[in-house]
């Protein structure tokens, strides 16, 4: 089975129980009714990126749903957490792309998102033989990747939150959800 579509979503949940905070994050992301199977980081050739709204309409309750997912949880008040998915799409429809998952403590959503996007783009660039200095800042690498003409688009979806002030569990997630 090779998915034809993918959409990005994110969510946050807070509850006294860890599992319930995860369930609430899934609800917030709109994917709570799926049986999610996590997969690794390959974006199939020709897989079309669609909106979350379009993707959710294509899912059915109880369906086995494949996704690249990043999640993070904390029970410490005010501790900053993030979960992010980065995506790198090649220019050629016949070439696979990459998705990356990143979760962190203490990073803002922008920092975590840039990191995840950099990870996905770097994985794709290395498979395509695009020369670059791995020590360069993300903005510099992004410019090189885009001007190569081989990587058409990079993006990310990131959810961050601070730990709930009373010490309840806080869970964040980001996901790239595949649709057949």
C-alpha atoms as a PDB file:
ATOM      1  CA  UNK A   1       0.000   0.000   0.000  1.00  0.00           C
ATOM      2  CA  UNK A   2       1.410   3.344  -1.062  1.00  0.00           C
ATOM      3  CA  UNK A   3      -0.471   6.375   0.269  1.00  0.00           C
ATOM      4  CA  UNK A   4      -1.705   8.884  -2.287  1.00  0.00           C
ATOM      5  CA  UNK A   5      -2.266  11.730   0.184  1.00  0.00           C
ATOM      6  CA  UNK A   6      -0.788  13.148   3.370  1.00  0.00           C
ATOM      7  CA  UNK A   7      -1.945  15.894   5.700  1.00  0.00           C
ATOM      8  CA  UNK A   8      -0.376  17.582   8.701  1.00  0.00           C
ATOM      9  CA  UNK A   9      -2.078  18.071  12.035  1.00  0.00           C
ATOM     10  CA  UNK A  10      -1.212  18.946  15.617  1.00  0.00           C
ATOM     11  CA  UNK A  11      -2.813  18.972  19.044  1.00  0.00           C
ATOM     12  CA  UNK A  12      -2.408  19.548  22.750  1.00  0.00           C
ATOM     13  CA  UNK A  13      -4.139  17.904  25.706  1.00  0.00           C
ATOM     14  CA  UNK A  14      -4.051  18.452  29.471  1.00  0.00           C
ATOM     15  CA  UNK A  15      -5.373  16.058  32.105  1.00  0.00           C
ATOM     16  CA  UNK A  16      -4.481  14.514  35.477  1.00  0.00           C
ATOM     17  CA  UNK A  17      -3.872  11.156  33.739  1.00  0.00           C
ATOM     18  CA  UNK A  18      -1.092  10.748  31.193  1.00  0.00           C
ATOM     19  CA  UNK A  19      -3.117   8.573  28.791  1.00  0.00           C
ATOM     20  CA  UNK A  20      -6.093  10.930  28.907  1.00  0.00           C
ATOM     21  CA  UNK A  21      -3.849  13.913  28.096  1.00  0.00           C
ATOM     22  CA  UNK A  22      -2.635  12.015  25.016  1.00  0.00           C
ATOM     23  CA  UNK A  23      -6.241  11.202  24.028  1.00  0.00           C
ATOM     24  CA  UNK A  24      -7.156  14.884  24.354  1.00  0.00           C
ATOM     25  CA  UNK A  25      -4.191  15.841  22.147  1.00  0.00           C
ATOM     26  CA  UNK A  26      -5.398  13.316  19.542  1.00  0.00           C
ATOM     27  CA  UNK A  27      -8.889  14.853  19.761  1.00  0.00           C
ATOM     28  CA  UNK A  28      -7.466  18.330  19.373  1.00  0.00           C
ATOM     29  CA  UNK A  29      -5.612  17.114  16.266  1.00  0.00           C
ATOM     30  CA  UNK A  30      -8.790  15.456  14.953  1.00  0.00           C
ATOM     31  CA  UNK A  31      -7.369  11.926  14.680  1.00  0.00           C
ATOM     32  CA  UNK A  32      -8.721  10.321  17.868  1.00  0.00           C
ATOM     33  CA  UNK A  33     -11.026   7.865  16.063  1.00  0.00           C
ATOM     34  CA  UNK A  34      -8.195   6.214  14.115  1.00  0.00           C
ATOM     35  CA  UNK A  35      -6.060   3.223  15.011  1.00  0.00           C
ATOM     36  CA  UNK A  36      -2.728   4.918  14.416  1.00  0.00           C
ATOM     37  CA  UNK A  37       0.298   2.937  13.326  1.00  0.00           C
ATOM     38  CA  UNK A  38       3.483   4.984  13.432  1.00  0.00           C
ATOM     39  CA  UNK A  39       5.832   4.665  10.497  1.00  0.00           C
ATOM     40  CA  UNK A  40       9.251   6.046   9.649  1.00  0.00           C
ATOM     41  CA  UNK A  41      10.164   9.017   7.561  1.00  0.00           C
ATOM     42  CA  UNK A  42       9.570   8.425   3.844  1.00  0.00           C
ATOM     43  CA  UNK A  43       7.128  10.587   1.893  1.00  0.00           C
ATOM     44  CA  UNK A  44       6.129   8.386  -1.080  1.00  0.00           C
ATOM     45  CA  UNK A  45       6.801   9.630  -4.612  1.00  0.00           C
ATOM     46  CA  UNK A  46       3.832  11.619  -5.912  1.00  0.00           C
ATOM     47  CA  UNK A  47       2.102  11.715  -2.514  1.00  0.00           C
ATOM     48  CA  UNK A  48      -0.058  14.845  -2.581  1.00  0.00           C
ATOM     49  CA  UNK A  49      -0.149  17.154   0.439  1.00  0.00           C
ATOM     50  CA  UNK A  50      -3.761  18.030   1.249  1.00  0.00           C
ATOM     51  CA  UNK A  51      -5.361  20.191   3.912  1.00  0.00           C
ATOM     52  CA  UNK A  52      -6.225  18.807   7.333  1.00  0.00           C
ATOM     53  CA  UNK A  53      -9.900  19.400   6.585  1.00  0.00           C
ATOM     54  CA  UNK A  54      -9.732  17.369   3.361  1.00  0.00           C
ATOM     55  CA  UNK A  55      -7.768  14.594   5.042  1.00  0.00           C
ATOM     56  CA  UNK A  56     -10.072  14.249   8.029  1.00  0.00           C
ATOM     57  CA  UNK A  57     -13.052  13.822   5.684  1.00  0.00           C
ATOM     58  CA  UNK A  58     -11.269  10.860   4.070  1.00  0.00           C
ATOM     59  CA  UNK A  59     -10.715   8.972   7.344  1.00  0.00           C
ATOM     60  CA  UNK A  60     -13.181   6.529   8.923  1.00  0.00           C
ATOM     61  CA  UNK A  61     -13.575   5.650  12.631  1.00  0.00           C
ATOM     62  CA  UNK A  62     -11.580   2.560  13.539  1.00  0.00           C
ATOM     63  CA  UNK A  63      -9.513   2.686  10.355  1.00  0.00           C
ATOM     64  CA  UNK A  64      -5.871   1.562  10.537  1.00  0.00           C
ATOM     65  CA  UNK A  65      -4.128   4.851   9.835  1.00  0.00           C
ATOM     66  CA  UNK A  66      -0.427   5.234   9.153  1.00  0.00           C
ATOM     67  CA  UNK A  67       1.293   8.364  10.416  1.00  0.00           C
ATOM     68  CA  UNK A  68       4.670   9.837  11.209  1.00  0.00           C
ATOM     69  CA  UNK A  69       4.087  11.182  14.705  1.00  0.00           C
ATOM     70  CA  UNK A  70       6.031  13.218  17.208  1.00  0.00           C
ATOM     71  CA  UNK A  71       4.763  13.566  20.767  1.00  0.00           C
ATOM     72  CA  UNK A  72       6.006  14.859  24.068  1.00  0.00           C
ATOM     73  CA  UNK A  73       4.537  15.000  27.559  1.00  0.00           C
ATOM     74  CA  UNK A  74       5.372  16.714  30.813  1.00  0.00           C
ATOM     75  CA  UNK A  75       3.949  16.838  34.309  1.00  0.00           C
ATOM     76  CA  UNK A  76       6.101  19.762  35.466  1.00  0.00           C
ATOM     77  CA  UNK A  77       4.346  23.118  35.800  1.00  0.00           C
ATOM     78  CA  UNK A  78       5.409  25.721  33.217  1.00  0.00           C
ATOM     79  CA  UNK A  79       7.982  23.481  31.466  1.00  0.00           C
ATOM     80  CA  UNK A  80       8.013  24.229  27.731  1.00  0.00           C
ATOM     81  CA  UNK A  81       7.610  21.219  25.425  1.00  0.00           C
ATOM     82  CA  UNK A  82       7.273  20.866  21.672  1.00  0.00           C
ATOM     83  CA  UNK A  83       6.513  18.213  19.065  1.00  0.00           C
ATOM     84  CA  UNK A  84       7.224  18.826  15.400  1.00  0.00           C
ATOM     85  CA  UNK A  85       7.097  17.157  12.000  1.00  0.00           C
ATOM     86  CA  UNK A  86       9.355  18.460   9.237  1.00  0.00           C
ATOM     87  CA  UNK A  87       8.684  17.784   5.563  1.00  0.00           C
ATOM     88  CA  UNK A  88      10.943  17.989   2.499  1.00  0.00           C
ATOM     89  CA  UNK A  89       9.374  17.484  -0.920  1.00  0.00           C
ATOM     90  CA  UNK A  90      11.566  16.809  -3.967  1.00  0.00           C
ATOM     91  CA  UNK A  91      10.978  18.598  -7.268  1.00  0.00           C
ATOM     92  CA  UNK A  92      10.612  15.298  -9.131  1.00  0.00           C
ATOM     93  CA  UNK A  93       7.290  13.480  -8.707  1.00  0.00           C
ATOM     94  CA  UNK A  94       9.224  10.219  -9.151  1.00  0.00           C
ATOM     95  CA  UNK A  95      11.468  10.767  -6.132  1.00  0.00           C
ATOM     96  CA  UNK A  96      10.562  10.147  -2.513  1.00  0.00           C
ATOM     97  CA  UNK A  97      10.729  12.883   0.091  1.00  0.00           C
ATOM     98  CA  UNK A  98      11.350  12.892   3.807  1.00  0.00           C
ATOM     99  CA  UNK A  99       9.392  13.508   6.979  1.00  0.00           C
ATOM    100  CA  UNK A 100      11.158  13.989  10.293  1.00  0.00           C
ATOM    101  CA  UNK A 101       9.900  13.906  13.840  1.00  0.00           C
ATOM    102  CA  UNK A 102      11.384  16.013  16.606  1.00  0.00           C
ATOM    103  CA  UNK A 103      10.313  16.519  20.200  1.00  0.00           C
ATOM    104  CA  UNK A 104      12.029  18.756  22.700  1.00  0.00           C
ATOM    105  CA  UNK A 105      12.036  20.496  26.043  1.00  0.00           C
ATOM    106  CA  UNK A 106      12.719  24.229  26.307  1.00  0.00           C
ATOM    107  CA  UNK A 107      12.433  24.998  22.582  1.00  0.00           C
ATOM    108  CA  UNK A 108       9.847  27.418  21.232  1.00  0.00           C
ATOM    109  CA  UNK A 109       7.564  26.251  18.433  1.00  0.00           C
ATOM    110  CA  UNK A 110       9.625  28.204  15.900  1.00  0.00           C
ATOM    111  CA  UNK A 111      12.905  26.656  17.094  1.00  0.00           C
ATOM    112  CA  UNK A 112      11.513  23.113  17.133  1.00  0.00           C
ATOM    113  CA  UNK A 113       9.817  23.584  13.759  1.00  0.00           C
ATOM    114  CA  UNK A 114      12.970  24.910  12.116  1.00  0.00           C
ATOM    115  CA  UNK A 115      14.948  21.990  13.562  1.00  0.00           C
ATOM    116  CA  UNK A 116      12.468  19.399  12.244  1.00  0.00           C
ATOM    117  CA  UNK A 117      12.340  21.071   8.837  1.00  0.00           C
ATOM    118  CA  UNK A 118      16.144  21.156   8.703  1.00  0.00           C
ATOM    119  CA  UNK A 119      16.272  17.433   9.588  1.00  0.00           C
ATOM    120  CA  UNK A 120      13.892  16.456   6.783  1.00  0.00           C
ATOM    121  CA  UNK A 121      15.600  18.676   4.207  1.00  0.00           C
ATOM    122  CA  UNK A 122      19.066  17.467   5.201  1.00  0.00           C
ATOM    123  CA  UNK A 123      18.020  13.805   4.905  1.00  0.00           C
ATOM    124  CA  UNK A 124      16.612  14.485   1.432  1.00  0.00           C
ATOM    125  CA  UNK A 125      19.598  16.579   0.346  1.00  0.00           C
ATOM    126  CA  UNK A 126      22.087  13.894   1.346  1.00  0.00           C
ATOM    127  CA  UNK A 127      20.246  11.243  -0.699  1.00  0.00           C
ATOM    128  CA  UNK A 128      20.252  13.583  -3.706  1.00  0.00           C
ATOM    129  CA  UNK A 129      23.935  14.476  -3.432  1.00  0.00           C
ATOM    130  CA  UNK A 130      23.366  18.196  -2.876  1.00  0.00           C
ATOM    131  CA  UNK A 131      26.628  19.608  -1.463  1.00  0.00           C
ATOM    132  CA  UNK A 132      26.303  21.675   1.698  1.00  0.00           C
ATOM    133  CA  UNK A 133      28.066  22.325   4.990  1.00  0.00           C
ATOM    134  CA  UNK A 134      26.171  20.560   7.773  1.00  0.00           C
ATOM    135  CA  UNK A 135      27.360  23.236  10.218  1.00  0.00           C
ATOM    136  CA  UNK A 136      25.578  26.015   8.323  1.00  0.00           C
ATOM    137  CA  UNK A 137      22.534  27.658   9.849  1.00  0.00           C
ATOM    138  CA  UNK A 138      19.156  26.368   8.648  1.00  0.00           C
ATOM    139  CA  UNK A 139      18.392  29.567   6.696  1.00  0.00           C
ATOM    140  CA  UNK A 140      21.648  29.197   4.738  1.00  0.00           C
ATOM    141  CA  UNK A 141      21.060  25.506   4.008  1.00  0.00           C
ATOM    142  CA  UNK A 142      17.452  26.200   3.007  1.00  0.00           C
ATOM    143  CA  UNK A 143      18.683  28.695   0.419  1.00  0.00           C
ATOM    144  CA  UNK A 144      21.125  26.134  -1.025  1.00  0.00           C
ATOM    145  CA  UNK A 145      18.492  23.395  -1.120  1.00  0.00           C
ATOM    146  CA  UNK A 146      15.950  25.605  -2.882  1.00  0.00           C
ATOM    147  CA  UNK A 147      18.406  26.973  -5.440  1.00  0.00           C
ATOM    148  CA  UNK A 148      19.551  23.421  -6.297  1.00  0.00           C
ATOM    149  CA  UNK A 149      16.208  22.915  -8.038  1.00  0.00           C
ATOM    150  CA  UNK A 150      16.014  19.411  -6.573  1.00  0.00           C
ATOM    151  CA  UNK A 151      14.027  20.236  -3.428  1.00  0.00           C
ATOM    152  CA  UNK A 152      10.844  22.113  -4.203  1.00  0.00           C
ATOM    153  CA  UNK A 153       9.394  22.688  -0.748  1.00  0.00           C
ATOM    154  CA  UNK A 154      10.128  22.335   2.946  1.00  0.00           C
ATOM    155  CA  UNK A 155       7.708  22.947   5.792  1.00  0.00           C
ATOM    156  CA  UNK A 156       6.842  21.890   9.308  1.00  0.00           C
ATOM    157  CA  UNK A 157       3.956  21.621  11.707  1.00  0.00           C
ATOM    158  CA  UNK A 158       4.694  22.156  15.371  1.00  0.00           C
ATOM    159  CA  UNK A 159       2.745  22.135  18.618  1.00  0.00           C
ATOM    160  CA  UNK A 160       4.250  23.584  21.766  1.00  0.00           C
ATOM    161  CA  UNK A 161       2.815  24.145  25.226  1.00  0.00           C
ATOM    162  CA  UNK A 162       3.855  24.862  28.771  1.00  0.00           C
ATOM    163  CA  UNK A 163       3.245  22.287  31.453  1.00  0.00           C
ATOM    164  CA  UNK A 164      -0.092  22.821  33.174  1.00  0.00           C
ATOM    165  CA  UNK A 165       0.400  25.028  36.241  1.00  0.00           C
ATOM    166  CA  UNK A 166      -1.207  22.578  38.695  1.00  0.00           C
ATOM    167  CA  UNK A 167       1.005  19.683  37.612  1.00  0.00           C
ATOM    168  CA  UNK A 168      -1.464  17.841  35.403  1.00  0.00           C
ATOM    169  CA  UNK A 169      -0.061  16.033  32.403  1.00  0.00           C
ATOM    170  CA  UNK A 170       0.401  18.135  29.274  1.00  0.00           C
ATOM    171  CA  UNK A 171       0.874  16.306  25.967  1.00  0.00           C
ATOM    172  CA  UNK A 172       1.679  17.809  22.572  1.00  0.00           C
ATOM    173  CA  UNK A 173       1.727  16.009  19.249  1.00  0.00           C
ATOM    174  CA  UNK A 174       2.338  16.700  15.603  1.00  0.00           C
ATOM    175  CA  UNK A 175       1.614  14.215  12.830  1.00  0.00           C
ATOM    176  CA  UNK A 176       1.843  13.622   9.112  1.00  0.00           C
ATOM    177  CA  UNK A 177      -1.159  11.392   8.450  1.00  0.00           C
ATOM    178  CA  UNK A 178      -1.240   9.191   5.356  1.00  0.00           C
ATOM    179  CA  UNK A 179      -4.463   8.560   3.453  1.00  0.00           C
ATOM    180  CA  UNK A 180      -4.720   5.730   0.875  1.00  0.00           C
END
